[in-house]
Amino acid sequence: MSEVTLNDENFNAEVLSSKTPVLVDFWASWCGPCKMQEPILEEVAALYQGKNIKIGRLNVDEAPRSANRFLVMSIPTLMIFKDGRPVEQMIGVQDKNTLINKIDKLV
């Protein structure tokens, strides 16, 4: 599965109503650590293409309601949602192995 661009309008449908777990990257274009996280997330998305997980990115400046709803205070924040609820939260840049381990526990 390729990455999904998330926003306030599609968050409920793409994340909260998803039948599969969703890894959401809360980020912003001005955030240096977020830029470091992006290629790692792209590698993970490529590894799980066609598997039972969705990976999405939400720009907190463009979708503040969704970020506020889940109390995102620092970015990057990565959350894994399952059955419409956040089940894992990671703050700061996460390496590829950490993400793989968290995803593999859920899928």
N, C-alpha and C. Protein backbone atom coordinates (compact mmCIF):
# COMPACT_ATOMS: atom_id res chain seq x y z
N MET A 1 0.85 -1.19 0.00
CA MET A 1 0.00 0.00 0.00
C MET A 1 0.88 1.23 0.00
N SER A 2 0.63 2.12 -0.88
CA SER A 2 1.39 3.36 -0.89
C SER A 2 0.84 4.28 0.21
N GLU A 3 1.57 5.33 0.46
CA GLU A 3 1.16 6.25 1.50
C GLU A 3 -0.11 7.01 1.08
N VAL A 4 -0.93 7.30 2.07
CA VAL A 4 -2.17 8.03 1.86
C VAL A 4 -2.00 9.42 2.45
N THR A 5 -2.39 10.44 1.71
CA THR A 5 -2.37 11.79 2.25
C THR A 5 -3.65 12.02 3.02
N LEU A 6 -3.49 12.31 4.30
CA LEU A 6 -4.64 12.48 5.18
C LEU A 6 -4.91 13.95 5.42
N ASN A 7 -6.19 14.27 5.69
CA ASN A 7 -6.57 15.63 6.05
C ASN A 7 -7.80 15.54 6.96
N ASP A 8 -8.28 16.71 7.40
CA ASP A 8 -9.45 16.71 8.30
C ASP A 8 -10.68 16.11 7.64
N GLU A 9 -10.78 16.24 6.31
CA GLU A 9 -11.97 15.75 5.61
C GLU A 9 -11.98 14.22 5.45
N ASN A 10 -10.82 13.60 5.25
CA ASN A 10 -10.82 12.15 5.00
C ASN A 10 -10.33 11.32 6.18
N PHE A 11 -9.99 11.95 7.30
CA PHE A 11 -9.40 11.21 8.43
C PHE A 11 -10.34 10.13 8.96
N ASN A 12 -11.61 10.46 9.15
CA ASN A 12 -12.55 9.45 9.66
C ASN A 12 -12.64 8.25 8.73
N ALA A 13 -12.79 8.50 7.44
CA ALA A 13 -12.95 7.41 6.47
C ALA A 13 -11.67 6.60 6.32
N GLU A 14 -10.53 7.27 6.20
CA GLU A 14 -9.26 6.58 5.93
C GLU A 14 -8.64 5.93 7.16
N VAL A 15 -8.88 6.50 8.35
CA VAL A 15 -8.22 6.01 9.56
C VAL A 15 -9.22 5.37 10.52
N LEU A 16 -10.17 6.15 11.00
CA LEU A 16 -11.05 5.66 12.06
C LEU A 16 -12.01 4.57 11.59
N SER A 17 -12.39 4.58 10.31
CA SER A 17 -13.29 3.55 9.78
C SER A 17 -12.54 2.45 9.03
N SER A 18 -11.22 2.50 9.05
CA SER A 18 -10.43 1.53 8.29
C SER A 18 -10.55 0.13 8.87
N LYS A 19 -10.68 -0.85 7.99
CA LYS A 19 -10.74 -2.26 8.41
C LYS A 19 -9.35 -2.79 8.76
N THR A 20 -8.32 -2.09 8.29
CA THR A 20 -6.94 -2.50 8.56
C THR A 20 -6.29 -1.47 9.48
N PRO A 21 -5.23 -1.87 10.21
CA PRO A 21 -4.49 -0.90 11.01
C PRO A 21 -3.91 0.21 10.13
N VAL A 22 -3.76 1.40 10.71
CA VAL A 22 -3.24 2.55 9.97
C VAL A 22 -2.12 3.19 10.80
N LEU A 23 -0.97 3.35 10.18
CA LEU A 23 0.13 4.11 10.78
C LEU A 23 0.01 5.54 10.26
N VAL A 24 -0.16 6.50 11.18
CA VAL A 24 -0.32 7.90 10.79
C VAL A 24 0.91 8.68 11.26
N ASP A 25 1.51 9.40 10.31
CA ASP A 25 2.62 10.30 10.60
C ASP A 25 2.07 11.72 10.66
N PHE A 26 2.07 12.32 11.85
CA PHE A 26 1.68 13.72 12.01
C PHE A 26 2.94 14.55 11.82
N TRP A 27 2.94 15.44 10.83
CA TRP A 27 4.17 16.14 10.44
C TRP A 27 3.84 17.57 9.98
N ALA A 28 4.90 18.33 9.67
CA ALA A 28 4.75 19.66 9.07
C ALA A 28 5.95 19.91 8.16
N SER A 29 5.73 20.74 7.14
CA SER A 29 6.77 20.98 6.14
C SER A 29 7.99 21.71 6.71
N TRP A 30 7.81 22.48 7.76
CA TRP A 30 8.90 23.26 8.35
C TRP A 30 9.69 22.48 9.40
N CYS A 31 9.30 21.26 9.68
CA CYS A 31 9.87 20.46 10.77
C CYS A 31 11.05 19.62 10.26
N GLY A 32 12.25 19.94 10.73
CA GLY A 32 13.45 19.20 10.32
C GLY A 32 13.38 17.71 10.61
N PRO A 33 13.06 17.31 11.86
CA PRO A 33 12.96 15.88 12.15
C PRO A 33 11.90 15.17 11.30
N CYS A 34 10.83 15.90 10.93
CA CYS A 34 9.80 15.31 10.07
C CYS A 34 10.39 14.95 8.70
N LYS A 35 11.27 15.82 8.21
CA LYS A 35 11.93 15.55 6.93
C LYS A 35 12.83 14.33 7.03
N MET A 36 13.43 14.10 8.20
CA MET A 36 14.25 12.90 8.42
C MET A 36 13.37 11.65 8.47
N GLN A 37 12.17 11.78 9.01
CA GLN A 37 11.26 10.65 9.15
C GLN A 37 10.69 10.20 7.80
N GLU A 38 10.49 11.13 6.89
CA GLU A 38 9.81 10.83 5.63
C GLU A 38 10.43 9.68 4.83
N PRO A 39 11.75 9.68 4.56
CA PRO A 39 12.30 8.56 3.77
C PRO A 39 12.21 7.21 4.51
N ILE A 40 12.28 7.26 5.83
CA ILE A 40 12.14 6.02 6.62
C ILE A 40 10.73 5.48 6.44
N LEU A 41 9.75 6.38 6.50
CA LEU A 41 8.35 5.98 6.33
C LEU A 41 8.11 5.43 4.93
N GLU A 42 8.75 6.04 3.94
CA GLU A 42 8.61 5.56 2.56
C GLU A 42 9.16 4.14 2.42
N GLU A 43 10.29 3.86 3.07
CA GLU A 43 10.86 2.50 3.05
C GLU A 43 9.91 1.51 3.70
N VAL A 44 9.34 1.89 4.83
CA VAL A 44 8.41 1.00 5.53
C VAL A 44 7.15 0.78 4.68
N ALA A 45 6.66 1.84 4.06
CA ALA A 45 5.48 1.71 3.20
C ALA A 45 5.76 0.74 2.05
N ALA A 46 6.96 0.80 1.49
CA ALA A 46 7.32 -0.11 0.40
C ALA A 46 7.37 -1.55 0.89
N LEU A 47 7.88 -1.76 2.10
CA LEU A 47 7.95 -3.12 2.67
C LEU A 47 6.57 -3.74 2.86
N TYR A 48 5.60 -2.91 3.23
CA TYR A 48 4.27 -3.40 3.56
C TYR A 48 3.27 -3.23 2.43
N GLN A 49 3.75 -2.89 1.25
CA GLN A 49 2.85 -2.72 0.11
C GLN A 49 2.08 -4.02 -0.13
N GLY A 50 0.76 -3.92 -0.23
CA GLY A 50 -0.07 -5.09 -0.45
C GLY A 50 -0.37 -5.88 0.81
N LYS A 51 0.13 -5.42 1.94
CA LYS A 51 -0.10 -6.13 3.22
C LYS A 51 -1.25 -5.46 3.96
N ASN A 52 -1.56 -6.00 5.12
CA ASN A 52 -2.72 -5.61 5.90
C ASN A 52 -2.44 -4.38 6.78
N ILE A 53 -1.90 -3.32 6.18
CA ILE A 53 -1.69 -2.07 6.92
C ILE A 53 -1.72 -0.90 5.94
N LYS A 54 -2.20 0.22 6.43
CA LYS A 54 -2.23 1.44 5.64
C LYS A 54 -1.29 2.43 6.31
N ILE A 55 -0.56 3.20 5.51
CA ILE A 55 0.34 4.21 6.05
C ILE A 55 -0.07 5.57 5.50
N GLY A 56 -0.31 6.50 6.42
CA GLY A 56 -0.79 7.82 6.01
C GLY A 56 0.02 8.93 6.65
N ARG A 57 0.02 10.07 5.98
CA ARG A 57 0.70 11.26 6.49
C ARG A 57 -0.32 12.39 6.62
N LEU A 58 -0.26 13.09 7.76
CA LEU A 58 -1.17 14.19 8.01
C LEU A 58 -0.35 15.43 8.36
N ASN A 59 -0.46 16.45 7.52
CA ASN A 59 0.22 17.71 7.76
C ASN A 59 -0.58 18.47 8.82
N VAL A 60 0.03 18.68 9.99
CA VAL A 60 -0.70 19.28 11.11
C VAL A 60 -1.10 20.74 10.84
N ASP A 61 -0.37 21.43 9.96
CA ASP A 61 -0.73 22.81 9.62
C ASP A 61 -1.97 22.85 8.73
N GLU A 62 -2.14 21.83 7.90
CA GLU A 62 -3.27 21.78 6.99
C GLU A 62 -4.47 21.05 7.57
N ALA A 63 -4.25 20.28 8.63
CA ALA A 63 -5.33 19.51 9.24
C ALA A 63 -5.27 19.63 10.77
N PRO A 64 -5.43 20.83 11.28
CA PRO A 64 -5.27 21.03 12.73
C PRO A 64 -6.34 20.32 13.58
N ARG A 65 -7.53 20.15 13.05
CA ARG A 65 -8.59 19.49 13.85
C ARG A 65 -8.19 18.06 14.20
N SER A 66 -7.69 17.33 13.22
CA SER A 66 -7.31 15.93 13.48
C SER A 66 -6.13 15.85 14.43
N ALA A 67 -5.16 16.74 14.27
CA ALA A 67 -4.00 16.75 15.16
C ALA A 67 -4.43 17.09 16.59
N ASN A 68 -5.28 18.09 16.74
CA ASN A 68 -5.76 18.48 18.07
C ASN A 68 -6.61 17.39 18.70
N ARG A 69 -7.39 16.72 17.90
CA ARG A 69 -8.28 15.66 18.41
C ARG A 69 -7.49 14.57 19.13
N PHE A 70 -6.27 14.30 18.63
CA PHE A 70 -5.44 13.25 19.24
C PHE A 70 -4.28 13.83 20.04
N LEU A 71 -4.43 15.11 20.43
CA LEU A 71 -3.51 15.79 21.33
C LEU A 71 -2.06 15.73 20.88
N VAL A 72 -1.85 15.91 19.58
CA VAL A 72 -0.49 15.91 19.05
C VAL A 72 0.14 17.25 19.42
N MET A 73 1.17 17.20 20.27
CA MET A 73 1.84 18.41 20.75
C MET A 73 3.23 18.57 20.14
N SER A 74 3.87 17.45 19.79
CA SER A 74 5.21 17.46 19.21
C SER A 74 5.17 16.70 17.90
N ILE A 75 6.00 17.14 16.95
CA ILE A 75 6.07 16.42 15.69
C ILE A 75 7.53 16.13 15.37
N PRO A 76 7.82 15.04 14.69
CA PRO A 76 6.83 14.07 14.22
C PRO A 76 6.25 13.24 15.37
N THR A 77 4.98 12.97 15.27
CA THR A 77 4.33 11.98 16.12
C THR A 77 3.77 10.93 15.19
N LEU A 78 4.05 9.68 15.50
CA LEU A 78 3.50 8.57 14.72
C LEU A 78 2.55 7.80 15.62
N MET A 79 1.35 7.55 15.11
CA MET A 79 0.36 6.77 15.85
C MET A 79 -0.12 5.62 14.98
N ILE A 80 -0.32 4.50 15.62
CA ILE A 80 -0.92 3.37 14.93
C ILE A 80 -2.35 3.23 15.45
N PHE A 81 -3.29 3.24 14.53
CA PHE A 81 -4.71 3.10 14.85
C PHE A 81 -5.16 1.70 14.45
N LYS A 82 -5.94 1.09 15.33
CA LYS A 82 -6.53 -0.21 15.02
C LYS A 82 -7.97 -0.16 15.51
N ASP A 83 -8.89 -0.59 14.67
CA ASP A 83 -10.32 -0.56 15.01
C ASP A 83 -10.76 0.84 15.43
N GLY A 84 -10.21 1.85 14.76
CA GLY A 84 -10.64 3.22 15.01
C GLY A 84 -10.05 3.89 16.23
N ARG A 85 -9.13 3.22 16.92
CA ARG A 85 -8.55 3.80 18.13
C ARG A 85 -7.02 3.80 18.04
N PRO A 86 -6.36 4.82 18.62
CA PRO A 86 -4.90 4.80 18.65
C PRO A 86 -4.43 3.74 19.65
N VAL A 87 -3.58 2.84 19.21
CA VAL A 87 -3.08 1.78 20.08
C VAL A 87 -1.58 1.91 20.35
N GLU A 88 -0.93 2.80 19.62
CA GLU A 88 0.51 3.01 19.79
C GLU A 88 0.82 4.44 19.42
N GLN A 89 1.70 5.08 20.20
CA GLN A 89 2.12 6.45 19.89
C GLN A 89 3.63 6.55 20.07
N MET A 90 4.29 7.15 19.08
CA MET A 90 5.73 7.35 19.12
C MET A 90 6.01 8.82 18.79
N ILE A 91 6.79 9.48 19.62
CA ILE A 91 7.11 10.89 19.41
C ILE A 91 8.58 11.00 19.03
N GLY A 92 8.84 11.80 18.00
CA GLY A 92 10.21 11.96 17.51
C GLY A 92 10.48 11.00 16.37
N VAL A 93 11.66 11.15 15.77
CA VAL A 93 12.03 10.31 14.63
C VAL A 93 12.17 8.86 15.08
N GLN A 94 11.55 7.96 14.34
CA GLN A 94 11.61 6.52 14.64
C GLN A 94 12.38 5.82 13.53
N ASP A 95 13.26 4.89 13.92
CA ASP A 95 14.01 4.17 12.88
C ASP A 95 13.14 3.07 12.28
N LYS A 96 13.62 2.57 11.17
CA LYS A 96 12.87 1.58 10.39
C LYS A 96 12.55 0.33 11.22
N ASN A 97 13.52 -0.18 11.98
CA ASN A 97 13.29 -1.40 12.75
C ASN A 97 12.24 -1.20 13.84
N THR A 98 12.24 -0.03 14.47
CA THR A 98 11.23 0.25 15.49
C THR A 98 9.84 0.22 14.87
N LEU A 99 9.69 0.87 13.73
CA LEU A 99 8.38 0.88 13.07
C LEU A 99 7.95 -0.52 12.66
N ILE A 100 8.87 -1.29 12.09
CA ILE A 100 8.56 -2.65 11.69
C ILE A 100 8.11 -3.49 12.87
N ASN A 101 8.82 -3.38 14.00
CA ASN A 101 8.47 -4.14 15.19
C ASN A 101 7.08 -3.78 15.70
N LYS A 102 6.76 -2.47 15.72
CA LYS A 102 5.44 -2.03 16.20
C LYS A 102 4.33 -2.52 15.25
N ILE A 103 4.58 -2.42 13.96
CA ILE A 103 3.57 -2.87 12.98
C ILE A 103 3.36 -4.38 13.06
N ASP A 104 4.45 -5.12 13.14
CA ASP A 104 4.34 -6.58 13.16
C ASP A 104 3.59 -7.11 14.37
N LYS A 105 3.58 -6.37 15.47
CA LYS A 105 2.83 -6.77 16.66
C LYS A 105 1.32 -6.67 16.41
N LEU A 106 0.94 -5.81 15.46
CA LEU A 106 -0.49 -5.53 15.27
C LEU A 106 -1.13 -6.19 14.08
N VAL A 107 -0.32 -6.61 13.10
CA VAL A 107 -0.92 -7.15 11.88
C VAL A 107 -0.71 -8.64 11.75
